[in-house]
Amino acid sequence: MSLRVASSIASSALRTSEVGIAVASSNVANADTDGYTRKTASNVTRSTGVNVASVDVTAVSSNVDRYLLKTLVSAQSDLGYTDTRNSYLDRMQSAFGSVSDDDSGGTDIGSMIDALADTLGTLATSPESESAKAATVQDLSDLAETLRNTSSSIQSLRAQADDEVATTVDTINETLNSIDSLNDRIVKGKALGQNVTDLEDQRNTALKSLAQSIDVAYQVDDSGLMRISTASGKSLLDTRVHELSYTPAASVSASTVYSAGSSGFGGIMLNGVDVTGSSLGGSLGALVQLRDTDLPAQQAGLDELATTLMGTLNSIQNQGTSYPAPQSLTGTEIVSASDALKVTGGTLRVAVTDSSGTAAEVLDIDLSTKSTLQDVVDAINAMSNASASISTDGKLVISANSAGNGIALGGDASDGTTGSFSDAYGLNDLLTGTGASDIKVATRIASDSSLLATGTLSSSSGLTAGDTALTSGEGSVAKALSAAFSTSYHFDAAGSLSARSTSFAGYAGAVIQGAATLADKASTAYDSQNTYTSSLESTFSSQSGVNVDEETAAISTLQSAYEAAAAVMKTLQEMFSTALDMVQ
């Protein structure tokens, strides 16, 4: 073997050791760098033609298990999904208030219902008590406020989720553009034979971050280009970025829903296509599910409770009158004079009474003889001491002509239902609203609790002026209100709750339990996924991460090899010099 061949072999050994030391040193230096994977120098032996081989470095590569990386990317998507749902549903559960072991410390809907039931029990035994009326109105106001606040919290969470959808879309686009930039550098670097492993680490880190926001599928071709698509197969990145777009709703209420092209929640667009309903996964998919499914389901349960409560209590309240009777009654229903009567049979009794409950005038209207609301208005207007009209905002108004008198309504429908006419037009409603978001005590009763109906107008046949129409101790309506809270009612299926027959407190408990169960399941799912993802991260780190001790040992070995090659090179140089001296 010639000295020149030996020198070439020694030089290759020096270069190989030098590259190996540089790679191992870089591994040690970046051991704690997030996303960094262990690099290795690939060596190859080359024939020298004299039955002795040399060694060369062909490439520097990352020690990455591609299949494990794909599993980890998928797990990151599930983690983003479960983490987001857990965070929102935990806050949702808190919005329902706290349940106390005693009868006075709870702030939840069920505790408010129990408190109102206790107060109504007192009112039922003392219907003439102004303090009992005031306490009843206050507790009812507290219950309505709790329903409104809970509803408001749910809608606030929906609004936050909607805003976060827009923020997440922006984050996804930024990450895609970052990966696209890395793609360009990696493809060019590979084409030039450069070491691009650090760039690939950065791209993999960005990919895992992207997967937390949206479930993705990806592949890397031979050129080093990474292509990314949604789980449903829609391209997000190929030779260019396909950005998502979303504009959040200007405001969010219980009636705001997702519908393509509507004025509510718009669609998440990708290449001109609405992908909101596709399998988005990640935190983005969780936000859409929370906004459009999970939180509306809780709102539906609240609305079912609120509307059943309103319908039941208003029906009872419309059976009676306060003592003394109010000077005027205004309906809650929007009507017009030509409307056909909602109650077509039975009797409507209209009584004008003084402050002591004595009748000044009584009119019994046979509703079967009337066709339109105007017919009833005309009949009342024929009275000497009362008048009726339809206000400019479309409400039926019945008033006593004298400020010192009041209007009391009574009578039965043809099916025996007391107060049907008053109930049909909301003339003596206790609660107003369309659901949990706006339920409240009727303004006139909230401002004057003495207007709370506790008794009924006398149903005596032949009641006339001078007769006693109302008495302060008559408490049939107060008793009915109290009994309503120990009675079972039919509740329709709402949200995640099935149809059932139960009390107000029972249904409130079901709503609260449903929210707690949903939050608990979300927490369990997150804990499980977090543990699984952490395990994968640990395995990935173990396989692809840097072991400082191993790298230090490798550096020591490579240094020895370098020193040996250097010694050989020195000896060869001396031999070259000796040979030259001999020639000269």
Protein backbone atom coordinates (compact mmCIF):
# COMPACT_ATOMS: atom_id res chain seq x y z
CA MET A 1 0.00 0.00 0.00
CA SER A 2 1.44 3.35 -1.02
CA LEU A 3 1.97 6.22 1.39
CA ARG A 4 -0.55 8.28 -0.58
CA VAL A 5 -3.31 5.67 -0.08
CA ALA A 6 -2.45 5.38 3.58
CA SER A 7 -2.60 9.15 3.93
CA SER A 8 -6.05 9.23 2.27
CA ILE A 9 -7.32 6.57 4.67
CA ALA A 10 -5.99 8.47 7.68
CA SER A 11 -7.49 11.74 6.40
CA SER A 12 -10.91 10.06 6.01
CA ALA A 13 -10.62 8.70 9.53
CA LEU A 14 -9.82 12.18 10.84
CA ARG A 15 -12.81 13.74 9.01
CA THR A 16 -15.16 10.99 10.17
CA SER A 17 -14.07 11.37 13.79
CA GLU A 18 -14.27 15.15 13.53
CA VAL A 19 -17.86 15.04 12.17
CA GLY A 20 -18.85 12.46 14.78
CA ILE A 21 -17.46 14.62 17.60
CA ALA A 22 -19.29 17.67 16.21
CA VAL A 23 -22.59 15.77 16.00
CA ALA A 24 -22.24 14.30 19.50
CA SER A 25 -21.24 17.70 20.92
CA SER A 26 -24.29 19.27 19.30
CA ASN A 27 -26.45 16.55 20.84
CA VAL A 28 -25.10 17.34 24.31
CA ALA A 29 -25.50 21.10 23.79
CA ASN A 30 -29.14 20.70 22.69
CA ALA A 31 -30.14 17.98 25.14
CA ASP A 32 -32.64 20.30 26.82
CA THR A 33 -33.85 22.03 23.64
CA ASP A 34 -37.57 21.43 23.09
CA GLY A 35 -38.19 19.21 20.08
CA TYR A 36 -34.54 18.41 19.46
CA THR A 37 -33.83 14.81 18.49
CA ARG A 38 -30.58 12.89 18.68
CA LYS A 39 -28.48 13.19 15.52
CA THR A 40 -26.24 10.45 14.18
CA ALA A 41 -23.59 10.52 11.47
CA SER A 42 -23.99 7.73 8.94
CA ASN A 43 -20.66 6.22 7.92
CA VAL A 44 -19.81 4.10 4.88
CA THR A 45 -16.70 2.15 3.97
CA ARG A 46 -15.10 2.77 0.61
CA SER A 47 -12.65 0.56 -1.27
CA THR A 48 -9.19 1.96 -1.93
CA GLY A 49 -8.38 -0.66 -4.56
CA VAL A 50 -5.60 -2.21 -2.53
CA ASN A 51 -7.68 -4.50 -0.33
CA VAL A 52 -7.87 -1.85 2.41
CA ALA A 53 -11.06 0.20 3.00
CA SER A 54 -11.49 3.77 4.17
CA VAL A 55 -14.46 5.30 5.95
CA ASP A 56 -16.51 8.40 5.05
CA VAL A 57 -19.55 10.26 6.46
CA THR A 58 -22.46 10.08 4.04
CA ALA A 59 -25.13 11.96 5.98
CA VAL A 60 -26.30 13.24 9.35
CA SER A 61 -29.79 12.03 10.28
CA SER A 62 -32.25 12.27 13.15
CA ASN A 63 -32.99 9.28 15.28
CA VAL A 64 -36.80 9.51 14.86
CA ASP A 65 -39.33 6.68 14.89
CA ARG A 66 -41.72 7.86 12.14
CA TYR A 67 -44.55 5.59 13.25
CA LEU A 68 -44.25 6.76 16.84
CA LEU A 69 -44.23 10.36 15.65
CA LYS A 70 -47.50 9.80 13.76
CA THR A 71 -49.06 8.27 16.87
CA LEU A 72 -47.86 11.20 18.95
CA VAL A 73 -49.24 13.75 16.48
CA SER A 74 -52.65 12.03 16.63
CA ALA A 75 -52.50 11.98 20.43
CA GLN A 76 -51.75 15.72 20.48
CA SER A 77 -54.96 16.33 18.57
CA ASP A 78 -56.98 14.32 21.09
CA LEU A 79 -55.22 16.14 23.92
CA GLY A 80 -56.13 19.54 22.46
CA TYR A 81 -59.73 18.39 22.12
CA THR A 82 -60.09 17.01 25.65
CA ASP A 83 -58.17 19.87 27.26
CA THR A 84 -60.42 22.50 25.68
CA ARG A 85 -63.65 20.71 26.61
CA ASN A 86 -62.44 20.12 30.14
CA SER A 87 -61.60 23.80 30.62
CA TYR A 88 -64.92 25.10 29.30
CA LEU A 89 -67.16 22.50 30.94
CA ASP A 90 -65.50 23.04 34.30
CA ARG A 91 -66.36 26.74 34.06
CA MET A 92 -69.86 25.84 32.89
CA GLN A 93 -70.40 23.67 35.95
CA SER A 94 -69.27 26.52 38.20
CA ALA A 95 -71.87 28.77 36.56
CA PHE A 96 -74.62 26.59 38.04
CA GLY A 97 -73.65 27.69 41.54
CA SER A 98 -72.77 25.69 44.61
CA VAL A 99 -74.93 23.20 46.46
CA SER A 100 -74.91 23.45 50.25
CA ASP A 101 -75.62 20.77 52.83
CA ASP A 102 -77.83 23.16 54.78
CA ASP A 103 -81.02 24.88 53.63
CA SER A 104 -79.60 28.39 53.36
CA GLY A 105 -76.12 28.31 51.87
CA GLY A 106 -76.75 27.04 48.34
CA THR A 107 -76.50 29.37 45.36
CA ASP A 108 -77.72 26.86 42.78
CA ILE A 109 -81.13 26.82 41.12
CA GLY A 110 -82.34 23.92 43.24
CA SER A 111 -81.55 25.77 46.47
CA MET A 112 -83.41 28.82 45.19
CA ILE A 113 -86.46 26.67 44.37
CA ASP A 114 -86.38 25.09 47.84
CA ALA A 115 -86.18 28.53 49.47
CA LEU A 116 -89.16 29.76 47.43
CA ALA A 117 -91.16 26.65 48.30
CA ASP A 118 -90.58 27.29 52.02
CA THR A 119 -91.65 30.93 51.68
CA LEU A 120 -94.79 29.95 49.76
CA GLY A 121 -95.63 27.54 52.57
CA THR A 122 -95.69 30.53 54.94
CA LEU A 123 -97.79 32.57 52.48
CA ALA A 124 -100.30 29.74 52.18
CA THR A 125 -100.98 29.91 55.91
CA SER A 126 -100.96 33.73 56.06
CA PRO A 127 -102.24 35.00 52.69
CA GLU A 128 -103.04 38.40 54.19
CA SER A 129 -99.44 38.92 55.39
CA GLU A 130 -97.68 41.68 53.48
CA SER A 131 -94.30 40.48 54.75
CA ALA A 132 -95.02 36.97 53.42
CA LYS A 133 -95.96 38.45 50.05
CA ALA A 134 -92.78 40.54 49.99
CA ALA A 135 -90.65 37.51 50.89
CA THR A 136 -92.33 35.45 48.17
CA VAL A 137 -91.71 38.08 45.51
CA GLN A 138 -88.09 38.45 46.66
CA ASP A 139 -87.40 34.71 46.57
CA LEU A 140 -89.07 34.44 43.17
CA SER A 141 -86.96 37.35 41.93
CA ASP A 142 -83.83 35.63 43.26
CA LEU A 143 -84.76 32.41 41.45
CA ALA A 144 -85.40 34.28 38.19
CA GLU A 145 -82.12 36.15 38.57
CA THR A 146 -80.23 32.88 39.15
CA LEU A 147 -81.76 31.43 36.00
CA ARG A 148 -80.84 34.55 34.05
CA ASN A 149 -77.29 34.64 35.40
CA THR A 150 -76.75 30.95 34.69
CA SER A 151 -78.07 31.41 31.17
CA SER A 152 -75.89 34.49 30.72
CA SER A 153 -72.81 32.54 31.85
CA ILE A 154 -73.56 29.80 29.32
CA GLN A 155 -73.98 32.31 26.51
CA SER A 156 -70.81 34.09 27.63
CA LEU A 157 -68.94 30.78 27.33
CA ARG A 158 -70.42 30.29 23.86
CA ALA A 159 -69.25 33.77 22.88
CA GLN A 160 -65.78 33.02 24.26
CA ALA A 161 -65.70 29.74 22.34
CA ASP A 162 -66.74 31.56 19.15
CA ASP A 163 -64.01 34.18 19.61
CA GLU A 164 -61.51 31.42 20.32
CA VAL A 165 -62.55 29.68 17.10
CA ALA A 166 -61.36 32.77 15.23
CA THR A 167 -58.15 32.93 17.30
CA THR A 168 -57.46 29.23 16.74
CA VAL A 169 -58.01 29.60 13.00
CA ASP A 170 -55.41 32.39 12.98
CA THR A 171 -53.00 30.21 14.97
CA ILE A 172 -53.51 27.31 12.55
CA ASN A 173 -52.77 29.58 9.59
CA GLU A 174 -49.62 30.94 11.25
CA THR A 175 -48.37 27.44 12.00
CA LEU A 176 -49.10 26.27 8.46
CA ASN A 177 -47.13 29.20 7.05
CA SER A 178 -44.26 28.41 9.41
CA ILE A 179 -44.22 24.78 8.25
CA ASP A 180 -44.42 25.95 4.63
CA SER A 181 -41.32 28.11 5.17
CA LEU A 182 -39.49 25.19 6.76
CA ASN A 183 -40.58 23.00 3.84
CA ASP A 184 -38.86 25.34 1.39
CA ARG A 185 -35.61 25.34 3.37
CA ILE A 186 -35.63 21.57 3.88
CA VAL A 187 -36.32 20.76 0.21
CA LYS A 188 -33.59 23.14 -0.97
CA GLY A 189 -31.17 21.91 1.68
CA LYS A 190 -31.68 18.25 0.81
CA ALA A 191 -31.22 19.01 -2.87
CA LEU A 192 -27.85 20.60 -2.04
CA GLY A 193 -26.81 17.73 0.22
CA GLN A 194 -26.95 19.89 3.37
CA ASN A 195 -27.73 18.74 6.90
CA VAL A 196 -31.43 19.65 7.42
CA THR A 197 -32.14 17.60 10.55
CA ASP A 198 -32.48 20.64 12.82
CA LEU A 199 -34.99 22.11 10.39
CA GLU A 200 -36.89 18.81 10.40
CA ASP A 201 -37.00 18.94 14.21
CA GLN A 202 -38.46 22.42 14.04
CA ARG A 203 -41.03 21.26 11.51
CA ASN A 204 -42.03 18.26 13.64
CA THR A 205 -42.45 20.54 16.67
CA ALA A 206 -44.66 22.86 14.62
CA LEU A 207 -46.61 19.84 13.35
CA LYS A 208 -47.38 18.68 16.90
CA SER A 209 -48.45 22.20 17.80
CA LEU A 210 -50.72 22.27 14.74
CA ALA A 211 -52.25 18.93 15.70
CA GLN A 212 -53.32 20.32 19.08
CA SER A 213 -55.45 22.84 17.21
CA ILE A 214 -56.84 20.59 14.47
CA ASP A 215 -56.70 16.89 13.65
CA VAL A 216 -54.38 16.40 10.70
CA ALA A 217 -52.90 13.74 8.46
CA TYR A 218 -49.48 14.23 6.91
CA GLN A 219 -46.86 12.65 4.71
CA VAL A 220 -43.30 13.52 3.70
CA ASP A 221 -42.14 12.79 0.15
CA ASP A 222 -38.62 11.93 -1.01
CA SER A 223 -37.77 15.57 -1.62
CA GLY A 224 -38.45 16.36 2.04
CA LEU A 225 -41.74 18.17 1.36
CA MET A 226 -44.38 17.67 4.07
CA ARG A 227 -48.00 17.65 2.89
CA ILE A 228 -50.76 18.19 5.46
CA SER A 229 -54.52 17.68 5.23
CA THR A 230 -57.45 17.65 7.61
CA ALA A 231 -58.63 14.33 9.00
CA SER A 232 -61.44 14.43 6.42
CA GLY A 233 -58.91 14.74 3.58
CA LYS A 234 -59.07 18.45 2.74
CA SER A 235 -55.63 19.86 1.90
CA LEU A 236 -54.11 22.41 4.27
CA LEU A 237 -50.57 22.42 2.90
CA ASP A 238 -48.99 21.06 -0.26
CA THR A 239 -46.84 23.27 -2.44
CA ARG A 240 -48.66 26.20 -0.84
CA VAL A 241 -50.75 26.96 2.24
CA HIS A 242 -54.53 26.66 2.09
CA GLU A 243 -55.64 28.96 4.88
CA LEU A 244 -58.79 28.68 6.95
CA SER A 245 -60.96 31.73 7.52
CA TYR A 246 -63.59 32.60 10.10
CA THR A 247 -65.38 35.73 11.29
CA PRO A 248 -66.84 35.52 14.83
CA ALA A 249 -70.43 36.56 15.55
CA ALA A 250 -70.97 40.17 16.59
CA SER A 251 -73.05 39.04 19.57
CA VAL A 252 -74.19 35.74 21.06
CA SER A 253 -77.52 34.88 22.69
CA ALA A 254 -79.51 31.72 23.32
CA SER A 255 -81.06 32.10 19.86
CA THR A 256 -77.70 32.35 18.07
CA VAL A 257 -77.02 29.13 16.17
CA TYR A 258 -74.67 27.93 13.46
CA SER A 259 -76.25 27.95 10.04
CA ALA A 260 -74.38 28.46 6.80
CA GLY A 261 -75.30 31.83 5.37
CA SER A 262 -77.27 32.91 8.45
CA SER A 263 -76.79 35.99 10.62
CA GLY A 264 -75.74 33.76 13.53
CA PHE A 265 -72.53 31.75 13.56
CA GLY A 266 -70.96 31.61 10.12
CA GLY A 267 -68.91 28.79 8.68
CA ILE A 268 -65.22 27.99 8.96
CA MET A 269 -64.13 28.23 5.36
CA LEU A 270 -61.37 26.33 3.54
CA ASN A 271 -60.88 26.87 -0.19
CA GLY A 272 -64.37 28.36 -0.36
CA VAL A 273 -65.95 25.33 1.32
CA ASP A 274 -67.62 25.36 4.75
CA VAL A 275 -65.80 22.74 6.87
CA THR A 276 -67.54 23.50 10.19
CA GLY A 277 -69.44 20.24 10.15
CA SER A 278 -66.47 18.06 9.17
CA SER A 279 -64.30 16.18 11.65
CA LEU A 280 -62.08 19.05 12.73
CA GLY A 281 -60.74 17.52 15.94
CA GLY A 282 -58.22 19.24 18.19
CA SER A 283 -59.12 22.35 20.14
CA LEU A 284 -60.92 23.79 17.09
CA GLY A 285 -63.28 20.83 16.91
CA ALA A 286 -63.88 21.02 20.66
CA LEU A 287 -64.71 24.73 20.48
CA VAL A 288 -67.26 24.14 17.72
CA GLN A 289 -68.85 21.27 19.67
CA LEU A 290 -68.99 23.34 22.85
CA ARG A 291 -70.49 26.34 21.08
CA ASP A 292 -73.03 24.44 18.99
CA THR A 293 -73.85 21.31 21.02
CA ASP A 294 -72.65 21.02 24.61
CA LEU A 295 -73.50 24.49 25.88
CA PRO A 296 -76.81 24.83 23.97
CA ALA A 297 -77.87 21.52 25.54
CA GLN A 298 -77.44 23.05 28.99
CA GLN A 299 -79.34 26.15 27.88
CA ALA A 300 -82.17 23.95 26.63
CA GLY A 301 -82.50 22.34 30.06
CA LEU A 302 -82.63 25.75 31.74
CA ASP A 303 -85.20 26.98 29.23
CA GLU A 304 -87.41 23.94 29.81
CA LEU A 305 -87.33 24.59 33.55
CA ALA A 306 -87.99 28.31 33.10
CA THR A 307 -90.88 27.94 30.65
CA THR A 308 -92.56 25.19 32.69
CA LEU A 309 -92.18 27.31 35.82
CA MET A 310 -93.62 30.36 34.06
CA GLY A 311 -96.52 28.47 32.52
CA THR A 312 -97.47 26.77 35.78
CA LEU A 313 -97.21 29.77 38.10
CA ASN A 314 -98.85 32.13 35.61
CA SER A 315 -101.75 29.73 35.18
CA ILE A 316 -102.28 29.67 38.95
CA GLN A 317 -101.81 33.41 39.38
CA ASN A 318 -104.34 34.16 36.64
CA GLN A 319 -106.97 32.25 38.61
CA GLY A 320 -107.00 34.92 41.28
CA THR A 321 -106.50 38.51 42.27
CA SER A 322 -104.63 40.52 44.82
CA TYR A 323 -106.34 42.13 47.79
CA PRO A 324 -107.17 44.92 47.24
CA ALA A 325 -107.53 44.51 43.48
CA PRO A 326 -105.25 46.55 41.16
CA GLN A 327 -106.69 49.58 39.40
CA SER A 328 -105.61 48.19 36.00
CA LEU A 329 -104.58 44.91 34.40
CA THR A 330 -102.41 44.74 31.25
CA GLY A 331 -101.90 41.54 29.28
CA THR A 332 -98.57 40.16 28.11
CA GLU A 333 -99.78 38.68 24.81
CA ILE A 334 -99.60 40.68 21.55
CA VAL A 335 -103.14 40.92 20.16
CA SER A 336 -105.33 42.84 17.75
CA ALA A 337 -109.03 43.70 17.97
CA SER A 338 -110.01 41.35 15.16
CA ASP A 339 -108.35 38.29 16.72
CA ALA A 340 -110.62 35.32 17.31
CA LEU A 341 -111.05 34.62 21.02
CA LYS A 342 -108.57 32.18 22.52
CA VAL A 343 -111.23 31.02 24.99
CA THR A 344 -114.50 30.30 23.23
CA GLY A 345 -116.61 28.90 26.04
CA GLY A 346 -117.38 29.50 29.70
CA THR A 347 -117.74 32.78 31.54
CA LEU A 348 -115.53 35.79 32.13
CA ARG A 349 -116.47 37.64 35.32
CA VAL A 350 -115.31 41.25 35.51
CA ALA A 351 -115.74 42.91 38.89
CA VAL A 352 -114.98 46.46 39.93
CA THR A 353 -114.26 46.50 43.67
CA ASP A 354 -113.36 49.11 46.27
CA SER A 355 -110.40 48.88 48.66
CA SER A 356 -112.37 46.73 51.09
CA GLY A 357 -113.27 44.15 48.45
CA THR A 358 -116.91 45.26 48.05
CA ALA A 359 -118.24 45.05 44.50
CA ALA A 360 -119.10 48.33 42.78
CA GLU A 361 -120.15 46.58 39.57
CA VAL A 362 -120.09 43.01 38.24
CA LEU A 363 -120.39 41.77 34.67
CA ASP A 364 -120.54 38.11 33.63
CA ILE A 365 -119.69 37.66 29.94
CA ASP A 366 -120.79 34.47 28.20
CA LEU A 367 -117.76 33.87 25.97
CA SER A 368 -119.64 31.45 23.75
CA THR A 369 -121.62 34.43 22.43
CA LYS A 370 -118.49 36.39 21.48
CA SER A 371 -116.32 35.85 18.42
CA THR A 372 -113.47 38.34 18.54
CA LEU A 373 -111.45 40.11 21.20
CA GLN A 374 -113.17 43.34 20.17
CA ASP A 375 -116.51 41.80 21.21
CA VAL A 376 -115.18 41.35 24.77
CA VAL A 377 -113.67 44.85 24.77
CA ASP A 378 -117.05 46.29 23.72
CA ALA A 379 -118.86 44.33 26.44
CA ILE A 380 -116.54 45.68 29.14
CA ASN A 381 -116.78 49.20 27.76
CA ALA A 382 -120.54 48.99 28.25
CA MET A 383 -119.91 48.90 32.04
CA SER A 384 -120.26 52.12 34.02
CA ASN A 385 -117.17 51.65 36.18
CA ALA A 386 -114.70 49.84 33.89
CA SER A 387 -113.18 50.15 30.44
CA ALA A 388 -111.11 48.01 28.10
CA SER A 389 -108.82 48.75 25.18
CA ILE A 390 -105.91 47.45 23.15
CA SER A 391 -102.79 49.52 23.76
CA THR A 392 -100.58 50.90 21.01
CA ASP A 393 -98.12 48.05 21.61
CA GLY A 394 -100.88 45.46 21.16
CA LYS A 395 -101.73 44.53 24.77
CA LEU A 396 -105.21 44.04 26.22
CA VAL A 397 -105.85 46.53 29.04
CA ILE A 398 -108.80 46.39 31.48
CA SER A 399 -109.11 49.23 34.01
CA ALA A 400 -111.39 50.56 36.71
CA ASN A 401 -112.51 54.06 35.83
CA SER A 402 -111.95 55.33 39.36
CA ALA A 403 -108.46 55.35 40.90
CA GLY A 404 -110.00 54.23 44.19
CA ASN A 405 -111.39 51.03 42.68
CA GLY A 406 -109.76 47.92 41.30
CA ILE A 407 -110.35 45.26 38.64
CA ALA A 408 -110.74 41.61 39.59
CA LEU A 409 -111.27 38.84 37.04
CA GLY A 410 -112.81 35.43 37.53
CA GLY A 411 -115.06 32.94 35.79
CA ASP A 412 -114.60 29.47 34.39
CA ALA A 413 -114.01 28.10 30.93
CA SER A 414 -116.46 25.55 29.57
CA ASP A 415 -114.05 22.79 30.67
CA GLY A 416 -114.09 24.11 34.22
CA THR A 417 -110.64 25.71 34.08
CA THR A 418 -110.64 28.76 36.35
CA GLY A 419 -109.11 31.96 35.04
CA SER A 420 -108.71 30.72 31.48
CA PHE A 421 -109.44 34.07 29.84
CA SER A 422 -107.01 35.94 32.07
CA ASP A 423 -104.37 33.26 31.51
CA ALA A 424 -104.86 33.24 27.75
CA TYR A 425 -104.01 36.94 27.52
CA GLY A 426 -101.56 37.12 30.44
CA LEU A 427 -103.61 39.70 32.34
CA ASN A 428 -102.34 38.68 35.76
CA ASP A 429 -99.04 36.95 34.95
CA LEU A 430 -96.57 36.48 37.77
CA LEU A 431 -93.55 35.83 35.53
CA THR A 432 -92.63 37.16 32.11
CA GLY A 433 -90.05 36.13 29.54
CA THR A 434 -89.38 33.61 26.81
CA GLY A 435 -86.94 31.36 28.66
CA ALA A 436 -84.13 31.29 31.20
CA SER A 437 -82.31 34.18 29.55
CA ASP A 438 -85.02 36.77 30.26
CA ILE A 439 -87.34 35.31 32.92
CA LYS A 440 -88.32 37.82 35.57
CA VAL A 441 -91.12 38.73 37.96
CA ALA A 442 -93.78 40.87 36.28
CA THR A 443 -92.73 44.49 36.68
CA ARG A 444 -95.87 45.64 38.51
CA ILE A 445 -95.58 42.82 41.08
CA ALA A 446 -91.81 43.21 41.46
CA SER A 447 -92.29 46.88 42.32
CA ASP A 448 -95.34 46.29 44.57
CA SER A 449 -95.57 42.86 46.22
CA SER A 450 -99.11 43.65 47.48
CA LEU A 451 -100.26 42.99 43.90
CA LEU A 452 -99.38 39.30 44.29
CA ALA A 453 -102.59 37.32 43.83
CA THR A 454 -103.35 35.17 46.88
CA GLY A 455 -107.13 34.66 46.62
CA THR A 456 -109.90 34.51 44.03
CA LEU A 457 -112.86 36.63 43.09
CA SER A 458 -116.09 35.33 44.58
CA SER A 459 -117.77 32.83 42.28
CA SER A 460 -121.15 33.21 43.99
CA SER A 461 -124.06 33.13 41.57
CA GLY A 462 -125.76 36.48 41.31
CA LEU A 463 -122.84 38.48 42.72
CA THR A 464 -123.78 42.11 42.37
CA ALA A 465 -122.88 45.63 43.50
CA GLY A 466 -122.68 45.91 47.29
CA ASP A 467 -121.76 42.24 47.79
CA THR A 468 -118.41 41.15 49.15
CA ALA A 469 -116.32 40.15 46.14
CA LEU A 470 -112.88 39.79 47.80
CA THR A 471 -111.65 38.97 51.31
CA SER A 472 -108.11 39.39 52.62
CA GLY A 473 -108.01 35.97 54.27
CA GLU A 474 -109.07 34.01 51.19
CA GLY A 475 -105.86 32.21 50.20
CA SER A 476 -106.78 29.57 47.63
CA VAL A 477 -104.27 30.91 45.10
CA ALA A 478 -101.51 31.12 47.72
CA LYS A 479 -102.22 27.50 48.63
CA ALA A 480 -102.15 26.50 44.95
CA LEU A 481 -98.82 28.27 44.45
CA SER A 482 -97.39 26.43 47.44
CA ALA A 483 -98.76 23.08 46.28
CA ALA A 484 -97.22 23.63 42.84
CA PHE A 485 -93.76 23.04 44.31
CA SER A 486 -94.61 19.57 45.57
CA THR A 487 -96.39 18.51 42.39
CA SER A 488 -94.89 16.63 39.45
CA TYR A 489 -95.10 18.16 35.99
CA HIS A 490 -94.26 16.86 32.56
CA PHE A 491 -90.98 18.20 31.19
CA ASP A 492 -90.23 17.66 27.51
CA ALA A 493 -86.90 16.29 26.36
CA ALA A 494 -84.41 19.14 26.33
CA GLY A 495 -80.74 19.05 25.43
CA SER A 496 -79.25 15.92 26.94
CA LEU A 497 -82.19 15.43 29.34
CA SER A 498 -84.92 12.98 28.43
CA ALA A 499 -88.62 13.73 28.93
CA ARG A 500 -89.75 13.12 32.49
CA SER A 501 -92.36 13.87 35.13
CA THR A 502 -90.95 15.43 38.28
CA SER A 503 -91.15 18.47 40.53
CA PHE A 504 -89.46 21.79 39.84
CA ALA A 505 -86.75 20.94 42.35
CA GLY A 506 -86.36 17.48 40.84
CA TYR A 507 -85.89 18.87 37.35
CA ALA A 508 -83.48 21.54 38.60
CA GLY A 509 -81.50 18.75 40.23
CA ALA A 510 -81.45 16.85 36.93
CA VAL A 511 -80.17 19.95 35.09
CA ILE A 512 -77.41 20.49 37.65
CA GLN A 513 -76.51 16.79 37.73
CA GLY A 514 -76.38 16.71 33.94
CA ALA A 515 -73.92 19.60 33.91
CA ALA A 516 -71.83 17.99 36.65
CA THR A 517 -71.76 14.64 34.86
CA LEU A 518 -70.73 16.24 31.57
CA ALA A 519 -67.94 18.18 33.30
CA ASP A 520 -66.80 15.08 35.18
CA LYS A 521 -66.62 13.01 31.99
CA ALA A 522 -64.66 15.77 30.28
CA SER A 523 -62.22 15.90 33.20
CA THR A 524 -61.75 12.12 33.17
CA ALA A 525 -61.22 12.10 29.40
CA TYR A 526 -58.62 14.86 29.68
CA ASP A 527 -56.74 13.14 32.52
CA SER A 528 -56.69 9.88 30.59
CA GLN A 529 -55.54 11.52 27.35
CA ASN A 530 -52.95 13.63 29.13
CA THR A 531 -51.49 10.52 30.76
CA TYR A 532 -51.44 8.68 27.42
CA THR A 533 -49.86 11.59 25.55
CA SER A 534 -47.26 12.10 28.28
CA SER A 535 -46.41 8.40 28.04
CA LEU A 536 -45.95 8.71 24.28
CA GLU A 537 -43.82 11.84 24.76
CA SER A 538 -41.68 9.96 27.25
CA THR A 539 -41.28 7.01 24.87
CA PHE A 540 -40.48 9.34 21.98
CA SER A 541 -37.94 11.18 24.10
CA SER A 542 -36.41 7.91 25.22
CA GLN A 543 -36.03 6.73 21.63
CA SER A 544 -35.24 10.01 19.92
CA GLY A 545 -33.94 12.19 22.71
CA VAL A 546 -30.38 12.75 23.84
CA ASN A 547 -28.74 10.68 26.55
CA VAL A 548 -25.95 12.97 27.74
CA ASP A 549 -23.97 10.14 29.31
CA GLU A 550 -24.03 8.11 26.10
CA GLU A 551 -23.07 11.11 23.99
CA THR A 552 -20.23 12.00 26.36
CA ALA A 553 -18.93 8.45 26.14
CA ALA A 554 -19.21 8.59 22.35
CA ILE A 555 -17.25 11.85 22.27
CA SER A 556 -14.51 10.22 24.35
CA THR A 557 -14.34 7.24 21.98
CA LEU A 558 -14.33 9.47 18.92
CA GLN A 559 -11.59 11.64 20.42
CA SER A 560 -9.48 8.53 20.90
CA ALA A 561 -10.12 7.52 17.31
CA TYR A 562 -9.27 11.05 16.18
CA GLU A 563 -6.03 10.99 18.14
CA ALA A 564 -5.13 7.60 16.69
CA ALA A 565 -5.81 8.81 13.15
CA ALA A 566 -3.83 11.95 13.86
CA ALA A 567 -0.90 9.84 15.10
CA VAL A 568 -1.05 7.76 11.92
CA MET A 569 -1.14 10.94 9.85
CA LYS A 570 1.90 12.29 11.69
CA THR A 571 3.81 9.07 11.12
CA LEU A 572 2.92 9.15 7.42
CA GLN A 573 4.10 12.74 7.16
CA GLU A 574 7.40 11.74 8.74
CA MET A 575 7.69 8.84 6.30
CA PHE A 576 6.98 11.21 3.40
CA SER A 577 9.69 13.51 4.64
CA THR A 578 12.18 10.65 5.01
CA ALA A 579 11.37 9.42 1.52
CA LEU A 580 11.89 12.88 0.06
CA ASP A 581 15.19 13.25 1.85
CA MET A 582 16.35 9.92 0.44
CA VAL A 583 15.44 11.00 -3.08
CA GLN A 584 17.32 14.25 -2.70
